[in-house]
Amino acid sequence: ALGRTKLAQSVHDAGWSQSVSMLECKAVRYGRTFTKV
């Protein structure tokens, strides 16, 4: 949905989905809790 807004280029440039996946992976690696609301 964000990809269809004025922020589309910024969202895709930032690789939002990949960033979230990396955060999840790092949390598991370092024994942290990662949750999405």
All heavy atoms as atom14 arrays in JSON, in Angstrom:
{
  "sequence": "ALGRTKLAQSVHDAGWSQSVSMLECKAVRYGRTFTKV",
  "atom14_mask": [
    [1, 1, 1, 1, 1, 0, 0, 0, 0, 0, 0, 0, 0, 0],
    [1, 1, 1, 1, 1, 1, 1, 1, 0, 0, 0, 0, 0, 0],
    [1, 1, 1, 1, 0, 0, 0, 0, 0, 0, 0, 0, 0, 0],
    [1, 1, 1, 1, 1, 1, 1, 1, 1, 1, 1, 0, 0, 0],
    [1, 1, 1, 1, 1, 1, 1, 0, 0, 0, 0, 0, 0, 0],
    [1, 1, 1, 1, 1, 1, 1, 1, 1, 0, 0, 0, 0, 0],
    [1, 1, 1, 1, 1, 1, 1, 1, 0, 0, 0, 0, 0, 0],
    [1, 1, 1, 1, 1, 0, 0, 0, 0, 0, 0, 0, 0, 0],
    [1, 1, 1, 1, 1, 1, 1, 1, 1, 0, 0, 0, 0, 0],
    [1, 1, 1, 1, 1, 1, 0, 0, 0, 0, 0, 0, 0, 0],
    [1, 1, 1, 1, 1, 1, 1, 0, 0, 0, 0, 0, 0, 0],
    [1, 1, 1, 1, 1, 1, 1, 1, 1, 1, 0, 0, 0, 0],
    [1, 1, 1, 1, 1, 1, 1, 1, 0, 0, 0, 0, 0, 0],
    [1, 1, 1, 1, 1, 0, 0, 0, 0, 0, 0, 0, 0, 0],
    [1, 1, 1, 1, 0, 0, 0, 0, 0, 0, 0, 0, 0, 0],
    [1, 1, 1, 1, 1, 1, 1, 1, 1, 1, 1, 1, 1, 1],
    [1, 1, 1, 1, 1, 1, 0, 0, 0, 0, 0, 0, 0, 0],
    [1, 1, 1, 1, 1, 1, 1, 1, 1, 0, 0, 0, 0, 0],
    [1, 1, 1, 1, 1, 1, 0, 0, 0, 0, 0, 0, 0, 0],
    [1, 1, 1, 1, 1, 1, 1, 0, 0, 0, 0, 0, 0, 0],
    [1, 1, 1, 1, 1, 1, 0, 0, 0, 0, 0, 0, 0, 0],
    [1, 1, 1, 1, 1, 1, 1, 1, 0, 0, 0, 0, 0, 0],
    [1, 1, 1, 1, 1, 1, 1, 1, 0, 0, 0, 0, 0, 0],
    [1, 1, 1, 1, 1, 1, 1, 1, 1, 0, 0, 0, 0, 0],
    [1, 1, 1, 1, 1, 1, 0, 0, 0, 0, 0, 0, 0, 0],
    [1, 1, 1, 1, 1, 1, 1, 1, 1, 0, 0, 0, 0, 0],
    [1, 1, 1, 1, 1, 0, 0, 0, 0, 0, 0, 0, 0, 0],
    [1, 1, 1, 1, 1, 1, 1, 0, 0, 0, 0, 0, 0, 0],
    [1, 1, 1, 1, 1, 1, 1, 1, 1, 1, 1, 0, 0, 0],
    [1, 1, 1, 1, 1, 1, 1, 1, 1, 1, 1, 1, 0, 0],
    [1, 1, 1, 1, 0, 0, 0, 0, 0, 0, 0, 0, 0, 0],
    [1, 1, 1, 1, 1, 1, 1, 1, 1, 1, 1, 0, 0, 0],
    [1, 1, 1, 1, 1, 1, 1, 0, 0, 0, 0, 0, 0, 0],
    [1, 1, 1, 1, 1, 1, 1, 1, 1, 1, 1, 0, 0, 0],
    [1, 1, 1, 1, 1, 1, 1, 0, 0, 0, 0, 0, 0, 0],
    [1, 1, 1, 1, 1, 1, 1, 1, 1, 0, 0, 0, 0, 0],
    [1, 1, 1, 1, 1, 1, 1, 0, 0, 0, 0, 0, 0, 0]
  ],
  "atom14_positions": [
    [[0.83, -1.21, 0.0], [0.0, 0.0, 0.0], [0.86, 1.26, 0.0], [0.54, 2.24, -0.67], [-0.93, 0.0, 1.2], [0.0, 0.0, 0.0], [0.0, 0.0, 0.0], [0.0, 0.0, 0.0], [0.0, 0.0, 0.0], [0.0, 0.0, 0.0], [0.0, 0.0, 0.0], [0.0, 0.0, 0.0], [0.0, 0.0, 0.0], [0.0, 0.0, 0.0]],
    [[1.96, 1.24, 0.74], [2.86, 2.41, 0.76], [3.47, 2.64, -0.61], [3.8, 3.77, -0.97], [3.97, 2.23, 1.8], [3.55, 2.38, 3.25], [4.71, 1.99, 4.17], [3.09, 3.78, 3.54], [0.0, 0.0, 0.0], [0.0, 0.0, 0.0], [0.0, 0.0, 0.0], [0.0, 0.0, 0.0], [0.0, 0.0, 0.0], [0.0, 0.0, 0.0]],
    [[3.63, 1.58, -1.37], [4.2, 1.68, -2.71], [3.3, 2.41, -3.69], [3.73, 2.78, -4.78], [0.0, 0.0, 0.0], [0.0, 0.0, 0.0], [0.0, 0.0, 0.0], [0.0, 0.0, 0.0], [0.0, 0.0, 0.0], [0.0, 0.0, 0.0], [0.0, 0.0, 0.0], [0.0, 0.0, 0.0], [0.0, 0.0, 0.0], [0.0, 0.0, 0.0]],
    [[2.05, 2.63, -3.3], [1.11, 3.33, -4.18], [0.89, 4.78, -3.75], [-0.02, 5.43, -4.22], [-0.23, 2.6, -4.18], [-0.16, 1.23, -4.8], [-1.54, 0.61, -4.96], [-2.22, 0.43, -3.69], [-2.39, -0.73, -3.09], [-1.92, -1.83, -3.63], [-3.03, -0.82, -1.94], [0.0, 0.0, 0.0], [0.0, 0.0, 0.0], [0.0, 0.0, 0.0]],
    [[1.72, 5.29, -2.85], [1.57, 6.65, -2.37], [2.69, 7.53, -2.91], [3.55, 7.08, -3.67], [1.62, 6.69, -0.82], [2.93, 6.31, -0.4], [0.59, 5.77, -0.21], [0.0, 0.0, 0.0], [0.0, 0.0, 0.0], [0.0, 0.0, 0.0], [0.0, 0.0, 0.0], [0.0, 0.0, 0.0], [0.0, 0.0, 0.0], [0.0, 0.0, 0.0]],
    [[2.7, 8.79, -2.46], [3.77, 9.71, -2.84], [5.13, 9.24, -2.32], [6.16, 9.65, -2.83], [3.49, 11.11, -2.28], [2.31, 11.79, -2.91], [2.11, 13.16, -2.28], [0.89, 13.85, -2.84], [0.66, 15.16, -2.21], [0.0, 0.0, 0.0], [0.0, 0.0, 0.0], [0.0, 0.0, 0.0], [0.0, 0.0, 0.0], [0.0, 0.0, 0.0]],
    [[5.11, 8.39, -1.32], [6.36, 7.89, -0.71], [6.88, 6.64, -1.4], [7.85, 6.05, -0.94], [6.12, 7.57, 0.77], [5.68, 8.73, 1.66], [5.36, 8.21, 3.04], [6.77, 9.78, 1.72], [0.0, 0.0, 0.0], [0.0, 0.0, 0.0], [0.0, 0.0, 0.0], [0.0, 0.0, 0.0], [0.0, 0.0, 0.0], [0.0, 0.0, 0.0]],
    [[6.27, 6.23, -2.5], [6.59, 4.96, -3.14], [8.09, 4.79, -3.4], [8.67, 3.77, -3.04], [5.81, 4.81, -4.45], [0.0, 0.0, 0.0], [0.0, 0.0, 0.0], [0.0, 0.0, 0.0], [0.0, 0.0, 0.0], [0.0, 0.0, 0.0], [0.0, 0.0, 0.0], [0.0, 0.0, 0.0], [0.0, 0.0, 0.0], [0.0, 0.0, 0.0]],
    [[8.72, 5.76, -4.01], [10.14, 5.63, -4.35], [10.99, 5.51, -3.08], [11.89, 4.7, -3.02], [10.6, 6.83, -5.19], [12.0, 6.66, -5.75], [12.12, 5.48, -6.7], [11.25, 5.25, -7.52], [13.19, 4.74, -6.57], [0.0, 0.0, 0.0], [0.0, 0.0, 0.0], [0.0, 0.0, 0.0], [0.0, 0.0, 0.0], [0.0, 0.0, 0.0]],
    [[10.66, 6.29, -2.07], [11.41, 6.24, -0.81], [11.27, 4.9, -0.13], [12.24, 4.34, 0.38], [10.94, 7.34, 0.14], [11.13, 8.6, -0.42], [0.0, 0.0, 0.0], [0.0, 0.0, 0.0], [0.0, 0.0, 0.0], [0.0, 0.0, 0.0], [0.0, 0.0, 0.0], [0.0, 0.0, 0.0], [0.0, 0.0, 0.0], [0.0, 0.0, 0.0]],
    [[10.06, 4.35, -0.13], [9.81, 3.06, 0.52], [10.58, 1.96, -0.19], [11.24, 1.13, 0.43], [8.3, 2.73, 0.54], [8.05, 1.3, 0.97], [7.57, 3.7, 1.45], [0.0, 0.0, 0.0], [0.0, 0.0, 0.0], [0.0, 0.0, 0.0], [0.0, 0.0, 0.0], [0.0, 0.0, 0.0], [0.0, 0.0, 0.0], [0.0, 0.0, 0.0]],
    [[10.53, 1.97, -1.51], [11.23, 0.93, -2.27], [12.74, 1.1, -2.2], [13.48, 0.12, -2.13], [10.74, 0.89, -3.71], [9.31, 0.44, -3.83], [8.9, -0.79, -3.39], [8.21, 1.05, -4.31], [7.59, -0.92, -3.59], [7.15, 0.19, -4.15], [0.0, 0.0, 0.0], [0.0, 0.0, 0.0], [0.0, 0.0, 0.0], [0.0, 0.0, 0.0]],
    [[13.21, 2.35, -2.18], [14.65, 2.59, -2.05], [15.17, 2.07, -0.72], [16.28, 1.55, -0.63], [14.97, 4.09, -2.16], [14.92, 4.59, -3.59], [14.85, 3.75, -4.51], [14.93, 5.82, -3.78], [0.0, 0.0, 0.0], [0.0, 0.0, 0.0], [0.0, 0.0, 0.0], [0.0, 0.0, 0.0], [0.0, 0.0, 0.0], [0.0, 0.0, 0.0]],
    [[14.38, 2.26, 0.32], [14.82, 1.84, 1.65], [14.76, 0.33, 1.8], [15.35, -0.22, 2.73], [13.94, 2.5, 2.71], [0.0, 0.0, 0.0], [0.0, 0.0, 0.0], [0.0, 0.0, 0.0], [0.0, 0.0, 0.0], [0.0, 0.0, 0.0], [0.0, 0.0, 0.0], [0.0, 0.0, 0.0], [0.0, 0.0, 0.0], [0.0, 0.0, 0.0]],
    [[14.09, -0.37, 0.9], [13.98, -1.82, 1.02], [13.3, -2.21, 2.32], [13.8, -3.01, 3.09], [0.0, 0.0, 0.0], [0.0, 0.0, 0.0], [0.0, 0.0, 0.0], [0.0, 0.0, 0.0], [0.0, 0.0, 0.0], [0.0, 0.0, 0.0], [0.0, 0.0, 0.0], [0.0, 0.0, 0.0], [0.0, 0.0, 0.0], [0.0, 0.0, 0.0]],
    [[12.14, -1.6, 2.56], [11.45, -1.74, 3.84], [11.26, -3.2, 4.26], [11.59, -3.56, 5.4], [10.09, -1.03, 3.78], [9.47, -0.91, 5.12], [8.54, -1.73, 5.67], [9.76, 0.06, 6.12], [8.21, -1.32, 6.93], [8.95, -0.22, 7.24], [10.63, 1.15, 6.18], [8.98, 0.54, 8.4], [10.65, 1.91, 7.33], [9.84, 1.6, 8.41]],
    [[10.77, -4.03, 3.39], [10.53, -5.43, 3.75], [11.83, -6.13, 4.14], [11.87, -6.89, 5.1], [9.88, -6.18, 2.58], [8.6, -5.68, 2.34], [0.0, 0.0, 0.0], [0.0, 0.0, 0.0], [0.0, 0.0, 0.0], [0.0, 0.0, 0.0], [0.0, 0.0, 0.0], [0.0, 0.0, 0.0], [0.0, 0.0, 0.0], [0.0, 0.0, 0.0]],
    [[12.88, -5.86, 3.4], [14.18, -6.47, 3.7], [14.71, -5.98, 5.05], [15.28, -6.75, 5.81], [15.18, -6.16, 2.58], [16.5, -6.9, 2.72], [16.34, -8.41, 2.6], [15.45, -8.9, 1.93], [17.22, -9.14, 3.25], [0.0, 0.0, 0.0], [0.0, 0.0, 0.0], [0.0, 0.0, 0.0], [0.0, 0.0, 0.0], [0.0, 0.0, 0.0]],
    [[14.51, -4.7, 5.34], [14.97, -4.14, 6.62], [14.26, -4.82, 7.79], [14.89, -5.14, 8.8], [14.71, -2.64, 6.67], [15.45, -1.97, 5.69], [0.0, 0.0, 0.0], [0.0, 0.0, 0.0], [0.0, 0.0, 0.0], [0.0, 0.0, 0.0], [0.0, 0.0, 0.0], [0.0, 0.0, 0.0], [0.0, 0.0, 0.0], [0.0, 0.0, 0.0]],
    [[12.96, -5.04, 7.65], [12.2, -5.7, 8.71], [12.7, -7.14, 8.89], [12.89, -7.6, 10.01], [10.68, -5.67, 8.41], [9.9, -6.52, 9.39], [10.18, -4.23, 8.42], [0.0, 0.0, 0.0], [0.0, 0.0, 0.0], [0.0, 0.0, 0.0], [0.0, 0.0, 0.0], [0.0, 0.0, 0.0], [0.0, 0.0, 0.0], [0.0, 0.0, 0.0]],
    [[12.95, -7.82, 7.79], [13.46, -9.2, 7.87], [14.82, -9.24, 8.57], [15.07, -10.13, 9.39], [13.59, -9.8, 6.47], [12.34, -9.9, 5.86], [0.0, 0.0, 0.0], [0.0, 0.0, 0.0], [0.0, 0.0, 0.0], [0.0, 0.0, 0.0], [0.0, 0.0, 0.0], [0.0, 0.0, 0.0], [0.0, 0.0, 0.0], [0.0, 0.0, 0.0]],
    [[15.67, -8.28, 8.27], [16.99, -8.23, 8.91], [16.87, -7.98, 10.41], [17.59, -8.59, 11.21], [17.85, -7.15, 8.28], [18.36, -7.5, 6.92], [19.37, -6.13, 6.34], [19.77, -6.7, 4.71], [0.0, 0.0, 0.0], [0.0, 0.0, 0.0], [0.0, 0.0, 0.0], [0.0, 0.0, 0.0], [0.0, 0.0, 0.0], [0.0, 0.0, 0.0]],
    [[15.97, -7.08, 10.79], [15.76, -6.8, 12.21], [15.29, -8.05, 12.95], [15.74, -8.35, 14.05], [14.75, -5.68, 12.4], [15.26, -4.26, 12.22], [14.1, -3.28, 12.28], [16.28, -3.92, 13.29], [0.0, 0.0, 0.0], [0.0, 0.0, 0.0], [0.0, 0.0, 0.0], [0.0, 0.0, 0.0], [0.0, 0.0, 0.0], [0.0, 0.0, 0.0]],
    [[14.36, -8.78, 12.32], [13.86, -10.02, 12.93], [14.99, -11.02, 13.12], [15.12, -11.64, 14.17], [12.77, -10.64, 12.05], [11.39, -10.26, 12.46], [10.33, -10.94, 11.61], [10.31, -10.69, 10.39], [9.53, -11.71, 12.18], [0.0, 0.0, 0.0], [0.0, 0.0, 0.0], [0.0, 0.0, 0.0], [0.0, 0.0, 0.0], [0.0, 0.0, 0.0]],
    [[15.81, -11.18, 12.1], [16.92, -12.12, 12.14], [17.93, -11.73, 13.23], [18.39, -12.57, 13.99], [17.59, -12.18, 10.77], [18.96, -13.34, 10.68], [0.0, 0.0, 0.0], [0.0, 0.0, 0.0], [0.0, 0.0, 0.0], [0.0, 0.0, 0.0], [0.0, 0.0, 0.0], [0.0, 0.0, 0.0], [0.0, 0.0, 0.0], [0.0, 0.0, 0.0]],
    [[18.26, -10.45, 13.3], [19.22, -9.97, 14.32], [18.66, -10.17, 15.72], [19.4, -10.51, 16.65], [19.53, -8.49, 14.1], [20.25, -8.18, 12.82], [21.71, -8.43, 12.96], [22.4, -7.97, 11.68], [23.82, -8.19, 11.72], [0.0, 0.0, 0.0], [0.0, 0.0, 0.0], [0.0, 0.0, 0.0], [0.0, 0.0, 0.0], [0.0, 0.0, 0.0]],
    [[17.37, -9.94, 15.9], [16.75, -10.12, 17.21], [16.89, -11.57, 17.67], [17.25, -11.83, 18.82], [15.28, -9.71, 17.17], [0.0, 0.0, 0.0], [0.0, 0.0, 0.0], [0.0, 0.0, 0.0], [0.0, 0.0, 0.0], [0.0, 0.0, 0.0], [0.0, 0.0, 0.0], [0.0, 0.0, 0.0], [0.0, 0.0, 0.0], [0.0, 0.0, 0.0]],
    [[16.63, -12.5, 16.77], [16.77, -13.92, 17.11], [18.22, -14.25, 17.44], [18.52, -14.91, 18.43], [16.25, -14.82, 15.95], [16.62, -16.27, 16.18], [14.75, -14.65, 15.79], [0.0, 0.0, 0.0], [0.0, 0.0, 0.0], [0.0, 0.0, 0.0], [0.0, 0.0, 0.0], [0.0, 0.0, 0.0], [0.0, 0.0, 0.0], [0.0, 0.0, 0.0]],
    [[19.13, -13.76, 16.62], [20.56, -14.04, 16.81], [21.07, -13.57, 18.16], [21.87, -14.25, 18.81], [21.37, -13.37, 15.7], [22.88, -13.62, 15.86], [23.7, -12.91, 14.82], [23.38, -13.41, 13.51], [23.72, -12.81, 12.38], [24.38, -11.67, 12.41], [23.4, -13.33, 11.22], [0.0, 0.0, 0.0], [0.0, 0.0, 0.0], [0.0, 0.0, 0.0]],
    [[20.61, -12.4, 18.61], [21.1, -11.83, 19.86], [20.16, -12.04, 21.05], [20.31, -11.41, 22.08], [21.41, -10.34, 19.67], [22.55, -10.12, 18.71], [22.31, -9.67, 17.42], [23.86, -10.41, 19.07], [23.35, -9.49, 16.52], [24.91, -10.24, 18.19], [24.64, -9.78, 16.9], [25.68, -9.61, 16.02], [0.0, 0.0, 0.0], [0.0, 0.0, 0.0]],
    [[19.19, -12.94, 20.88], [18.31, -13.3, 21.98], [17.32, -12.22, 22.38], [16.89, -12.17, 23.53], [0.0, 0.0, 0.0], [0.0, 0.0, 0.0], [0.0, 0.0, 0.0], [0.0, 0.0, 0.0], [0.0, 0.0, 0.0], [0.0, 0.0, 0.0], [0.0, 0.0, 0.0], [0.0, 0.0, 0.0], [0.0, 0.0, 0.0], [0.0, 0.0, 0.0]],
    [[16.97, -11.38, 21.47], [16.0, -10.3, 21.74], [14.62, -10.69, 21.24], [14.46, -11.58, 20.41], [16.41, -9.0, 21.03], [17.73, -8.45, 21.44], [17.66, -7.93, 22.83], [18.89, -7.23, 23.17], [18.99, -6.39, 24.14], [17.95, -6.13, 24.88], [20.13, -5.81, 24.39], [0.0, 0.0, 0.0], [0.0, 0.0, 0.0], [0.0, 0.0, 0.0]],
    [[13.63, -10.01, 21.75], [12.25, -10.24, 21.32], [11.9, -9.23, 20.25], [12.12, -8.04, 20.42], [11.28, -10.09, 22.5], [11.67, -11.0, 23.52], [9.86, -10.36, 22.07], [0.0, 0.0, 0.0], [0.0, 0.0, 0.0], [0.0, 0.0, 0.0], [0.0, 0.0, 0.0], [0.0, 0.0, 0.0], [0.0, 0.0, 0.0], [0.0, 0.0, 0.0]],
    [[11.37, -9.71, 19.13], [10.94, -8.83, 18.04], [9.46, -9.09, 17.82], [9.05, -10.22, 17.57], [11.71, -9.15, 16.75], [11.34, -8.26, 15.6], [11.99, -7.06, 15.41], [10.35, -8.63, 14.72], [11.65, -6.23, 14.36], [9.99, -7.81, 13.65], [10.65, -6.6, 13.47], [0.0, 0.0, 0.0], [0.0, 0.0, 0.0], [0.0, 0.0, 0.0]],
    [[8.65, -8.05, 17.96], [7.22, -8.2, 17.74], [6.72, -7.11, 16.8], [7.3, -6.03, 16.72], [6.41, -8.13, 19.05], [6.71, -6.91, 19.71], [6.73, -9.28, 19.96], [0.0, 0.0, 0.0], [0.0, 0.0, 0.0], [0.0, 0.0, 0.0], [0.0, 0.0, 0.0], [0.0, 0.0, 0.0], [0.0, 0.0, 0.0], [0.0, 0.0, 0.0]],
    [[5.66, -7.44, 16.1], [5.01, -6.46, 15.23], [3.64, -6.16, 15.83], [2.96, -7.06, 16.3], [4.81, -7.03, 13.82], [6.09, -7.28, 13.07], [5.79, -7.85, 11.7], [7.04, -8.29, 11.0], [6.74, -8.94, 9.73], [0.0, 0.0, 0.0], [0.0, 0.0, 0.0], [0.0, 0.0, 0.0], [0.0, 0.0, 0.0], [0.0, 0.0, 0.0]],
    [[3.28, -4.88, 15.81], [1.94, -4.51, 16.27], [1.09, -4.21, 15.04], [1.59, -3.87, 13.98], [1.96, -3.31, 17.23], [2.67, -3.66, 18.52], [2.56, -2.09, 16.6], [0.0, 0.0, 0.0], [0.0, 0.0, 0.0], [0.0, 0.0, 0.0], [0.0, 0.0, 0.0], [0.0, 0.0, 0.0], [0.0, 0.0, 0.0], [0.0, 0.0, 0.0]]
  ]
}
